[in-house]
Amino acid sequence: MAAGKKEKINKVDIVGLLLKKGGLAKEDLGRIEVLDHSAYAAVKRDLIERVVQRVRNEKLKGKKVNIKVSR
């Protein structure tokens, strides 16, 4: 995700986005790391594309965030 600590994003925001808007279960979500200007979330491989499609146009803390798959 192209947002991090400097944009006031935290782990709870990412978990909420992926569980509610992305349709994930708690078991499908792994480690989340928030850096200064980016964030990474571990998601089960077979669910990645579906989740990215669902949250691609969603906003995080009122701002549109660029979300991509990192392999």
Protein backbone atom coordinates (compact mmCIF):
# COMPACT_ATOMS: atom_id res chain seq x y z
CA MET A 1 0.00 0.00 0.00
CA ALA A 2 1.30 3.42 -0.85
CA ALA A 3 0.58 4.93 2.58
CA GLY A 4 2.27 4.58 5.93
CA LYS A 5 3.06 6.20 9.26
CA LYS A 6 3.64 9.64 7.75
CA GLU A 7 0.09 9.53 6.32
CA LYS A 8 -1.27 8.53 9.77
CA ILE A 9 -2.04 4.93 8.71
CA ASN A 10 -1.73 2.18 11.32
CA LYS A 11 -2.23 -1.58 11.49
CA VAL A 12 -5.79 -1.29 12.76
CA ASP A 13 -6.78 0.78 9.70
CA ILE A 14 -5.33 -1.85 7.36
CA VAL A 15 -6.97 -4.74 9.22
CA GLY A 16 -10.34 -2.99 9.07
CA LEU A 17 -10.02 -2.32 5.35
CA LEU A 18 -9.01 -5.87 4.47
CA LEU A 19 -11.53 -7.61 6.72
CA LYS A 20 -14.57 -5.43 6.04
CA LYS A 21 -14.12 -4.19 2.47
CA GLY A 22 -11.81 -6.97 1.26
CA GLY A 23 -13.96 -9.79 2.58
CA LEU A 24 -11.12 -11.60 4.34
CA ALA A 25 -11.42 -13.75 7.45
CA LYS A 26 -8.99 -13.20 10.34
CA GLU A 27 -7.25 -16.48 9.49
CA ASP A 28 -6.50 -15.27 5.94
CA LEU A 29 -4.55 -12.23 7.11
CA GLY A 30 -0.97 -12.50 8.30
CA ARG A 31 1.69 -10.06 9.39
CA ILE A 32 1.25 -6.35 8.70
CA GLU A 33 4.18 -3.98 8.53
CA VAL A 34 3.73 -0.22 8.38
CA LEU A 35 6.71 1.84 7.21
CA ASP A 36 7.06 5.60 6.81
CA HIS A 37 5.39 5.90 3.38
CA SER A 38 4.24 2.34 2.65
CA ALA A 39 2.64 -0.68 4.27
CA TYR A 40 2.68 -4.42 3.61
CA ALA A 41 0.08 -7.01 4.58
CA ALA A 42 0.47 -10.77 4.23
CA VAL A 43 -2.57 -12.38 2.62
CA LYS A 44 -3.04 -16.01 1.55
CA ARG A 45 -1.85 -16.43 -2.04
CA ASP A 46 -5.10 -17.79 -3.43
CA LEU A 47 -7.03 -14.75 -2.14
CA ILE A 48 -4.68 -11.93 -3.15
CA GLU A 49 -6.15 -11.02 -6.55
CA ARG A 50 -9.74 -11.04 -5.26
CA VAL A 51 -8.88 -8.82 -2.27
CA VAL A 52 -6.92 -6.32 -4.38
CA GLN A 53 -9.84 -6.01 -6.81
CA ARG A 54 -12.26 -5.35 -3.95
CA VAL A 55 -10.20 -2.70 -2.15
CA ARG A 56 -8.60 -1.04 -5.17
CA ASN A 57 -11.06 1.88 -5.24
CA GLU A 58 -11.65 2.13 -1.50
CA LYS A 59 -10.38 4.97 0.67
CA LEU A 60 -8.25 4.63 3.78
CA LYS A 61 -8.70 7.47 6.28
CA GLY A 62 -10.51 9.52 3.63
CA LYS A 63 -7.75 9.27 1.02
CA LYS A 64 -7.46 6.99 -1.98
CA VAL A 65 -4.51 4.66 -1.50
CA ASN A 66 -2.67 2.86 -4.28
CA ILE A 67 -2.69 -0.89 -3.55
CA LYS A 68 -0.59 -3.39 -5.50
CA VAL A 69 0.45 -7.02 -5.25
CA SER A 70 4.07 -7.50 -4.24
CA ARG A 71 5.59 -10.90 -4.97
